[in-house]
Amino acid sequence: MIIPAPPHGFGWLGAASTGAIQTQITQVANQYGVPPALAIAVAQKESSLNPNATGSSGEEGLFQLMPATAAQLGVTDGYDPTQNINGGVAYLSQLYAQYGDWNTALLAYNAGPGNVAAGTVPASSYSYASSVMASAGMSPTQAALTPAAGTSDGSGDDSGDALAAATGVPTWAWLAGAAALAAVWAWS
């Protein structure tokens, strides 16, 4: 649940400021190599493009950054739209660099990298990733990291070993995540 914070930054003027926010997100996304439509979709999903949004767990601003994450990204004021956009898009870029695909980056953005590593991503995060990808006009196949053939852990099934090696996420977690995501897509 998002609780409005006091006016700050652009002020929240609804449609009047939405265009300016989207323009700024697009500019920053281009600088970081993040698809602008994806960055806008994340901010839309997180805060409805409200720079004054506060989440029930303390998330702040357009990209709903947790204060500790914001601090790691150099954001000193989570409600300042410019800082929040720079921090949120930089974080998306870092997650993409870490995981190699946008779907997993979105899972980590929503559930946290620790949950991705542990294979404990909740179903709601799969729904989140699917929704953001759809809003950005991206299909799951555009975001997938394809494992390289010819690697094996001795199990006789090398279909996910390269993916696990590339991301540090165990093969079973990828398979469980793919099954959960397929179930979400079936219900969409």
Protein backbone atom coordinates (compact mmCIF):
# COMPACT_ATOMS: atom_id res chain seq x y z
CA MET A 1 0.00 0.00 0.00
CA ILE A 2 1.35 3.42 -0.94
CA ILE A 3 0.89 6.26 1.51
CA PRO A 4 1.29 9.77 0.08
CA ALA A 5 4.20 11.72 1.51
CA PRO A 6 4.35 15.50 1.83
CA PRO A 7 4.83 17.39 -1.47
CA HIS A 8 8.42 17.37 -2.65
CA GLY A 9 10.47 17.65 -5.82
CA PHE A 10 8.26 18.10 -8.87
CA GLY A 11 5.23 18.14 -6.60
CA TRP A 12 2.65 15.61 -7.56
CA LEU A 13 0.49 17.23 -10.17
CA GLY A 14 -0.81 14.07 -11.81
CA ALA A 15 -0.80 14.22 -15.61
CA ALA A 16 0.92 17.63 -15.65
CA SER A 17 4.12 16.21 -14.18
CA THR A 18 3.85 12.67 -15.58
CA GLY A 19 5.29 13.74 -18.94
CA ALA A 20 8.28 15.43 -17.30
CA ILE A 21 8.90 12.38 -15.11
CA GLN A 22 8.70 9.99 -18.07
CA THR A 23 11.07 12.21 -20.06
CA GLN A 24 13.60 12.23 -17.24
CA ILE A 25 13.31 8.45 -16.74
CA THR A 26 13.87 7.96 -20.48
CA GLN A 27 16.99 10.14 -20.46
CA VAL A 28 18.50 8.36 -17.45
CA ALA A 29 17.54 4.91 -18.78
CA ASN A 30 19.34 5.66 -22.03
CA GLN A 31 22.46 6.66 -20.06
CA TYR A 32 22.43 3.37 -18.13
CA GLY A 33 21.47 1.11 -21.05
CA VAL A 34 18.12 0.22 -19.52
CA PRO A 35 15.15 -0.01 -21.91
CA PRO A 36 13.24 3.23 -21.22
CA ALA A 37 9.85 1.51 -21.45
CA LEU A 38 10.99 -0.98 -18.80
CA ALA A 39 12.23 1.76 -16.44
CA ILE A 40 8.97 3.68 -16.86
CA ALA A 41 6.96 0.49 -16.27
CA VAL A 42 8.87 -0.16 -13.02
CA ALA A 43 8.20 3.38 -11.74
CA GLN A 44 4.55 3.13 -12.82
CA LYS A 45 4.14 -0.20 -11.02
CA GLU A 46 6.04 0.94 -7.93
CA SER A 47 4.49 4.37 -7.36
CA SER A 48 2.02 5.22 -10.15
CA LEU A 49 4.69 7.80 -11.10
CA ASN A 50 4.12 9.62 -7.81
CA PRO A 51 7.45 11.05 -6.57
CA ASN A 52 5.95 11.48 -3.08
CA ALA A 53 4.87 7.87 -2.65
CA THR A 54 5.82 6.04 0.54
CA GLY A 55 5.45 2.28 0.78
CA SER A 56 4.20 0.47 3.85
CA SER A 57 7.73 -0.85 4.53
CA GLY A 58 9.38 2.56 4.18
CA GLU A 59 10.06 2.54 0.42
CA GLU A 60 10.45 6.04 -0.99
CA GLY A 61 9.64 7.90 -4.18
CA LEU A 62 9.11 6.96 -7.80
CA PHE A 63 11.12 3.73 -7.76
CA GLN A 64 10.15 2.89 -4.14
CA LEU A 65 13.75 2.56 -3.00
CA MET A 66 14.38 1.22 0.48
CA PRO A 67 16.46 3.75 2.43
CA ALA A 68 19.44 1.37 2.77
CA THR A 69 19.42 0.57 -0.95
CA ALA A 70 19.02 4.26 -1.77
CA ALA A 71 22.03 5.10 0.39
CA GLN A 72 24.15 2.45 -1.40
CA LEU A 73 23.16 4.10 -4.68
CA GLY A 74 24.11 7.60 -3.48
CA VAL A 75 20.51 8.76 -3.04
CA THR A 76 20.33 11.12 -0.07
CA ASP A 77 16.69 12.14 -0.55
CA GLY A 78 14.41 9.36 -1.78
CA TYR A 79 11.64 11.83 -2.54
CA ASP A 80 13.77 13.97 -4.84
CA PRO A 81 12.64 12.78 -8.29
CA THR A 82 16.02 13.30 -9.93
CA GLN A 83 17.90 11.37 -7.25
CA ASN A 84 15.27 8.63 -7.09
CA ILE A 85 15.22 8.17 -10.88
CA ASN A 86 19.01 8.03 -11.04
CA GLY A 87 19.14 5.57 -8.16
CA GLY A 88 16.27 3.38 -9.37
CA VAL A 89 17.56 3.12 -12.94
CA ALA A 90 21.14 2.55 -11.75
CA TYR A 91 19.86 -0.27 -9.53
CA LEU A 92 18.00 -1.87 -12.46
CA SER A 93 21.18 -1.63 -14.51
CA GLN A 94 23.24 -3.23 -11.72
CA LEU A 95 20.74 -6.06 -11.35
CA TYR A 96 20.77 -6.68 -15.10
CA ALA A 97 24.56 -6.78 -15.07
CA GLN A 98 24.45 -9.25 -12.18
CA TYR A 99 21.79 -11.61 -13.57
CA GLY A 100 22.05 -11.15 -17.35
CA ASP A 101 18.34 -10.90 -18.05
CA TRP A 102 15.60 -8.43 -17.31
CA ASN A 103 13.16 -10.95 -15.86
CA THR A 104 15.55 -12.03 -13.11
CA ALA A 105 16.62 -8.42 -12.58
CA LEU A 106 12.96 -7.55 -11.95
CA LEU A 107 12.56 -10.50 -9.58
CA ALA A 108 15.58 -9.25 -7.62
CA TYR A 109 14.27 -5.66 -7.72
CA ASN A 110 10.98 -6.77 -6.21
CA ALA A 111 11.94 -9.67 -3.92
CA GLY A 112 15.56 -8.77 -3.26
CA PRO A 113 18.77 -10.37 -4.54
CA GLY A 114 18.99 -12.52 -1.41
CA ASN A 115 15.69 -14.22 -2.20
CA VAL A 116 16.77 -14.80 -5.80
CA ALA A 117 20.04 -16.38 -4.61
CA ALA A 118 18.22 -18.53 -2.04
CA GLY A 119 15.50 -19.60 -4.48
CA THR A 120 12.82 -18.13 -2.20
CA VAL A 121 11.22 -15.66 -4.60
CA PRO A 122 7.51 -15.36 -3.74
CA ALA A 123 4.85 -15.90 -6.40
CA SER A 124 3.87 -12.23 -6.13
CA SER A 125 7.31 -11.27 -7.46
CA TYR A 126 6.79 -13.44 -10.53
CA SER A 127 3.47 -11.67 -11.10
CA TYR A 128 5.26 -8.34 -10.63
CA ALA A 129 7.95 -9.19 -13.18
CA SER A 130 5.40 -10.47 -15.67
CA SER A 131 3.25 -7.36 -15.28
CA VAL A 132 6.19 -4.96 -15.66
CA MET A 133 7.48 -6.83 -18.70
CA ALA A 134 4.03 -6.72 -20.31
CA SER A 135 3.66 -3.00 -19.55
CA ALA A 136 7.04 -2.41 -21.19
CA GLY A 137 5.97 -4.40 -24.24
CA MET A 138 8.65 -7.05 -23.62
CA SER A 139 8.03 -10.77 -23.92
CA PRO A 140 9.65 -13.26 -21.55
CA THR A 141 11.75 -14.59 -24.42
CA GLN A 142 13.24 -11.12 -24.94
CA ALA A 143 14.43 -11.17 -21.35
CA ALA A 144 15.64 -14.75 -21.02
CA LEU A 145 19.25 -15.76 -20.65
CA THR A 146 19.85 -18.87 -22.72
CA PRO A 147 22.17 -21.40 -21.11
CA ALA A 148 25.15 -22.58 -23.13
CA ALA A 149 25.04 -26.22 -24.16
CA GLY A 150 27.83 -28.62 -23.35
CA THR A 151 28.26 -27.96 -19.64
CA SER A 152 27.32 -30.51 -17.07
CA ASP A 153 27.33 -31.08 -13.36
CA GLY A 154 27.30 -34.84 -13.89
CA SER A 155 23.53 -35.06 -13.62
CA GLY A 156 23.17 -35.83 -17.31
CA ASP A 157 21.01 -32.73 -17.72
CA ASP A 158 23.07 -29.73 -18.74
CA SER A 159 20.07 -27.52 -19.61
CA GLY A 160 20.53 -25.15 -16.71
CA ASP A 161 24.09 -25.59 -15.54
CA ALA A 162 25.50 -22.67 -17.54
CA LEU A 163 22.67 -20.45 -16.33
CA ALA A 164 23.40 -21.41 -12.74
CA ALA A 165 27.11 -20.77 -13.24
CA ALA A 166 26.47 -17.40 -14.89
CA THR A 167 24.10 -16.16 -12.21
CA GLY A 168 24.99 -18.03 -9.04
CA VAL A 169 21.36 -19.18 -8.80
CA PRO A 170 20.99 -22.96 -8.49
CA THR A 171 19.41 -24.78 -11.44
CA TRP A 172 16.52 -26.02 -9.27
CA ALA A 173 15.65 -22.41 -8.40
CA TRP A 174 15.50 -21.47 -12.07
CA LEU A 175 13.29 -24.45 -12.83
CA ALA A 176 10.98 -23.71 -9.90
CA GLY A 177 10.85 -20.07 -10.93
CA ALA A 178 10.10 -20.94 -14.54
CA ALA A 179 7.27 -23.23 -13.46
CA ALA A 180 5.80 -20.54 -11.20
CA LEU A 181 6.12 -17.94 -13.93
CA ALA A 182 4.44 -20.24 -16.44
CA ALA A 183 1.56 -20.66 -14.00
CA VAL A 184 1.25 -16.89 -13.62
CA TRP A 185 1.25 -16.39 -17.38
CA ALA A 186 -1.42 -19.07 -17.75
CA TRP A 187 -3.66 -17.08 -15.39
CA SER A 188 -2.95 -13.73 -17.09
